[in-house]
Amino acid sequence: MTPRRLLLAGCLTLAAGLGACAATTATPDTTPDTADSGGAASGDAAAAPVPAAAPVAAAAPSPEPVGTDPETGETLTTDAANNLPKTIGEKAELVGGDGTAHFTLSVARIRTATACPSRAGGTAQPENGMFLILDVTASLSDDVPRAAGGEDPYMPLVADAFHIDGADGTEEGTATEAAWGCFEDEDLAPAFLSPGDTAAGKVVLDTAHRHGKVVYDPEDNGGWSWDY
């Protein structure tokens, strides 16, 4: 997909899907500096070898300002994974250069469950350890095609658009067949939003992490995150 950029203020860009545009951080140079292993001879005796310097550990990426909130004027800063942190109930917005919010996403609730009602009947069991159930509300403005340069963008709300950053620093995909089978269609958020759509519903993830961050980042290059 070829991104049709709208702007960076929300740290996401609309595409004919979605591309994200969190600020990039420089990758630290972790190549250890080493001294010559030998020195010049003094008389008949050669100088003792100089030991190589110990490898330098890579520094974690620093939070980096990426823009300003168009409503509050607050500086927007990404976390170490290049995502904009959001709180439960806070609206995440992708705004255009004219200040118009073209895409909004809020997470009203995050809860864990050891089983869920299955569309096939009975209950479904998680494959990774527990279900993480998000109650989300999202909207995509009807003037997005104009703002996106004539394309007809959509925004995904499927489990594949999310992942988990565990408290131990690992990144985990959360889309499983078990999670896909949870709840009736009318209880779930739609798979995609088209221009002019507003929707609310559940998104079910399947995770091994009881605590961590839920990340909305369909293109895996920077999005929004919520602690749970």
Protein backbone atom coordinates (compact mmCIF):
# COMPACT_ATOMS: atom_id res chain seq x y z
CA MET A 1 0.00 0.00 0.00
CA THR A 2 1.21 3.49 -0.81
CA PRO A 3 0.66 5.87 2.13
CA ARG A 4 -1.32 9.04 1.49
CA ARG A 5 0.03 11.19 4.31
CA LEU A 6 -2.28 13.56 6.13
CA LEU A 7 -0.08 14.85 8.91
CA LEU A 8 2.15 13.96 11.81
CA ALA A 9 0.39 15.64 14.73
CA GLY A 10 -1.33 12.47 15.88
CA CYS A 11 1.76 10.40 15.02
CA LEU A 12 -0.22 8.32 12.56
CA THR A 13 -0.88 8.83 8.88
CA LEU A 14 -3.84 7.64 6.91
CA ALA A 15 -3.17 5.46 3.93
CA ALA A 16 -5.15 3.16 1.71
CA GLY A 17 -4.89 1.28 4.99
CA LEU A 18 -2.80 2.95 7.62
CA GLY A 19 0.83 3.92 7.85
CA ALA A 20 2.28 5.26 11.07
CA CYS A 21 4.71 8.13 11.39
CA ALA A 22 6.07 8.19 14.90
CA ALA A 23 9.27 10.14 15.16
CA THR A 24 12.36 8.13 14.44
CA THR A 25 15.16 7.84 16.95
CA ALA A 26 18.76 7.45 16.03
CA THR A 27 20.13 3.95 16.51
CA PRO A 28 23.05 4.13 18.88
CA ASP A 29 26.37 2.88 17.58
CA THR A 30 27.09 -0.23 19.63
CA THR A 31 30.33 -1.18 17.89
CA PRO A 32 32.93 -1.40 20.66
CA ASP A 33 36.01 0.76 20.33
CA THR A 34 39.11 -1.39 20.44
CA ALA A 35 42.70 -0.41 20.98
CA ASP A 36 45.56 -1.91 18.98
CA SER A 37 46.46 -5.28 20.39
CA GLY A 38 50.16 -4.50 20.20
CA GLY A 39 52.40 -1.53 20.89
CA ALA A 40 55.80 -0.28 19.71
CA ALA A 41 58.80 -2.21 21.05
CA SER A 42 60.96 -0.56 23.69
CA GLY A 43 64.50 -1.86 23.31
CA ASP A 44 64.33 -5.64 22.83
CA ALA A 45 61.06 -6.07 24.75
CA ALA A 46 57.72 -5.61 23.02
CA ALA A 47 55.05 -3.67 24.84
CA ALA A 48 52.35 -5.77 26.48
CA PRO A 49 49.15 -6.09 24.45
CA VAL A 50 46.54 -3.48 25.28
CA PRO A 51 43.23 -5.22 26.16
CA ALA A 52 40.23 -4.39 23.97
CA ALA A 53 37.66 -2.11 25.47
CA ALA A 54 34.55 -3.80 26.82
CA PRO A 55 31.50 -3.64 24.53
CA VAL A 56 29.23 -0.70 25.19
CA ALA A 57 25.61 -1.64 25.92
CA ALA A 58 23.02 -0.17 23.58
CA ALA A 59 21.08 2.68 25.10
CA ALA A 60 17.29 2.43 25.08
CA PRO A 61 15.63 4.86 22.67
CA SER A 62 14.77 8.11 24.43
CA PRO A 63 11.26 9.58 24.38
CA GLU A 64 11.12 12.12 21.59
CA PRO A 65 8.78 15.06 20.92
CA VAL A 66 6.89 14.58 17.66
CA GLY A 67 4.45 17.48 17.59
CA THR A 68 1.86 19.46 19.52
CA ASP A 69 -1.66 18.54 20.55
CA PRO A 70 -3.90 20.80 18.42
CA GLU A 71 -6.42 21.24 21.26
CA THR A 72 -4.25 21.59 24.37
CA GLY A 73 -0.95 22.78 22.90
CA GLU A 74 0.77 20.03 24.88
CA THR A 75 3.95 18.58 23.40
CA LEU A 76 3.39 15.04 22.13
CA THR A 77 6.14 12.62 23.10
CA THR A 78 6.59 9.03 22.00
CA ASP A 79 7.63 6.23 24.32
CA ALA A 80 10.71 4.04 23.83
CA ALA A 81 8.84 1.93 21.25
CA ASN A 82 7.91 5.00 19.13
CA ASN A 83 4.26 4.98 20.25
CA LEU A 84 2.21 7.82 21.69
CA PRO A 85 0.98 6.80 25.16
CA LYS A 86 -2.76 7.24 25.80
CA THR A 87 -4.86 6.71 28.92
CA ILE A 88 -8.06 4.70 29.25
CA GLY A 89 -10.91 6.87 27.99
CA GLU A 90 -8.61 9.38 26.29
CA LYS A 91 -9.36 10.01 22.63
CA ALA A 92 -6.48 9.43 20.25
CA GLU A 93 -6.84 11.63 17.18
CA LEU A 94 -5.32 11.83 13.75
CA VAL A 95 -5.76 15.45 12.69
CA GLY A 96 -5.20 17.22 9.40
CA GLY A 97 -3.26 20.37 8.74
CA ASP A 98 -6.46 22.37 9.23
CA GLY A 99 -6.99 20.89 12.70
CA THR A 100 -9.77 18.52 11.60
CA ALA A 101 -9.78 15.15 13.37
CA HIS A 102 -9.99 12.58 10.57
CA PHE A 103 -9.61 9.41 12.63
CA THR A 104 -10.30 8.95 16.34
CA LEU A 105 -9.86 5.93 18.56
CA SER A 106 -10.54 5.56 22.26
CA VAL A 107 -10.31 2.57 24.57
CA ALA A 108 -12.89 2.77 27.35
CA ARG A 109 -12.00 -0.46 29.11
CA ILE A 110 -9.43 -3.25 29.08
CA ARG A 111 -10.11 -6.48 30.94
CA THR A 112 -8.74 -10.00 31.02
CA ALA A 113 -10.76 -13.21 30.77
CA THR A 114 -9.95 -16.91 30.89
CA ALA A 115 -12.78 -17.75 28.47
CA CYS A 116 -15.28 -16.01 26.21
CA PRO A 117 -18.66 -16.84 24.67
CA SER A 118 -18.02 -18.41 21.28
CA ARG A 119 -19.97 -17.66 18.11
CA ALA A 120 -19.84 -21.38 17.42
CA GLY A 121 -21.59 -22.11 20.71
CA GLY A 122 -20.26 -22.77 24.18
CA THR A 123 -17.11 -21.03 25.28
CA ALA A 124 -13.71 -20.45 23.70
CA GLN A 125 -10.40 -20.86 25.55
CA PRO A 126 -7.39 -18.62 24.88
CA GLU A 127 -4.40 -20.09 23.10
CA ASN A 128 -1.76 -17.83 24.68
CA GLY A 129 -2.99 -17.74 28.28
CA MET A 130 -5.76 -15.15 28.56
CA PHE A 131 -8.05 -13.02 26.48
CA LEU A 132 -7.64 -9.25 26.62
CA ILE A 133 -10.98 -7.63 25.81
CA LEU A 134 -10.97 -3.98 24.68
CA ASP A 135 -14.06 -1.81 24.51
CA VAL A 136 -13.29 0.68 21.75
CA THR A 137 -14.99 3.52 19.92
CA ALA A 138 -13.63 4.79 16.61
CA SER A 139 -14.63 7.09 13.79
CA LEU A 140 -13.33 8.01 10.34
CA SER A 141 -14.42 11.31 8.84
CA ASP A 142 -16.29 11.43 5.54
CA ASP A 143 -13.83 13.94 4.04
CA VAL A 144 -10.87 11.59 4.38
CA PRO A 145 -10.72 10.83 0.62
CA ARG A 146 -10.13 14.54 -0.07
CA ALA A 147 -7.52 14.84 2.68
CA ALA A 148 -5.81 11.63 1.51
CA GLY A 149 -5.38 12.84 -2.05
CA GLY A 150 -8.37 11.19 -3.68
CA GLU A 151 -7.84 7.71 -2.27
CA ASP A 152 -10.60 5.92 -0.32
CA PRO A 153 -8.78 5.06 2.93
CA TYR A 154 -9.96 2.67 5.57
CA MET A 155 -8.80 2.06 9.13
CA PRO A 156 -8.50 -1.47 10.57
CA LEU A 157 -9.90 -2.49 13.94
CA VAL A 158 -9.14 -6.21 13.68
CA ALA A 159 -6.92 -7.91 16.26
CA ASP A 160 -4.08 -7.93 13.70
CA ALA A 161 -3.92 -4.13 13.99
CA PHE A 162 -2.93 -4.46 17.67
CA HIS A 163 -0.09 -6.10 19.53
CA ILE A 164 1.12 -6.35 23.13
CA ASP A 165 4.36 -4.96 24.51
CA GLY A 166 4.88 -7.11 27.59
CA ALA A 167 6.22 -5.80 30.87
CA ASP A 168 9.32 -7.90 30.15
CA GLY A 169 9.97 -5.93 26.95
CA THR A 170 8.81 -8.59 24.50
CA GLU A 171 6.43 -7.82 21.63
CA GLU A 172 3.60 -10.27 21.10
CA GLY A 173 1.12 -10.75 18.31
CA THR A 174 -2.39 -11.29 19.63
CA ALA A 175 -4.57 -12.50 16.75
CA THR A 176 -5.53 -16.14 17.21
CA GLU A 177 -8.37 -18.31 15.98
CA ALA A 178 -9.65 -18.50 19.55
CA ALA A 179 -9.81 -14.72 19.89
CA TRP A 180 -11.46 -14.42 16.48
CA GLY A 181 -14.27 -16.73 17.64
CA CYS A 182 -15.22 -14.67 20.70
CA PHE A 183 -18.62 -12.92 20.95
CA GLU A 184 -21.37 -12.39 18.43
CA ASP A 185 -20.78 -10.05 15.50
CA GLU A 186 -23.07 -7.37 16.96
CA ASP A 187 -20.86 -7.20 20.09
CA LEU A 188 -17.65 -6.69 18.16
CA ALA A 189 -16.09 -3.61 16.60
CA PRO A 190 -16.13 -3.86 12.79
CA ALA A 191 -13.05 -5.18 11.05
CA PHE A 192 -12.56 -1.88 9.20
CA LEU A 193 -13.91 1.67 9.19
CA SER A 194 -14.73 3.33 5.88
CA PRO A 195 -15.07 7.11 5.43
CA GLY A 196 -18.02 8.44 7.43
CA ASP A 197 -18.18 5.43 9.79
CA THR A 198 -18.44 5.62 13.57
CA ALA A 199 -18.53 2.37 15.52
CA ALA A 200 -18.15 0.92 19.00
CA GLY A 201 -17.58 -2.62 20.13
CA LYS A 202 -15.16 -5.16 21.47
CA VAL A 203 -11.75 -6.16 20.13
CA VAL A 204 -10.49 -9.45 21.55
CA LEU A 205 -6.77 -10.16 21.83
CA ASP A 206 -5.05 -13.34 23.01
CA THR A 207 -2.00 -12.80 25.22
CA ALA A 208 0.39 -14.39 27.68
CA HIS A 209 0.96 -11.03 29.44
CA ARG A 210 -1.24 -10.05 32.38
CA HIS A 211 0.35 -6.61 32.37
CA GLY A 212 1.88 -4.54 29.62
CA LYS A 213 0.86 -2.14 26.86
CA VAL A 214 -1.78 -2.60 24.20
CA VAL A 215 -0.47 -1.03 21.00
CA TYR A 216 -2.49 0.05 17.98
CA ASP A 217 0.10 0.00 15.21
CA PRO A 218 -1.13 -1.74 12.04
CA GLU A 219 2.01 -1.04 10.01
CA ASP A 220 4.47 -1.71 12.85
CA ASN A 221 6.20 1.64 12.63
CA GLY A 222 4.70 3.68 15.46
CA GLY A 223 1.18 4.12 16.81
CA TRP A 224 -0.71 4.58 20.11
CA SER A 225 -0.32 2.59 23.32
CA TRP A 226 -2.39 2.00 26.46
CA ASP A 227 -1.09 0.57 29.75
CA TYR A 228 -3.09 -2.26 31.30
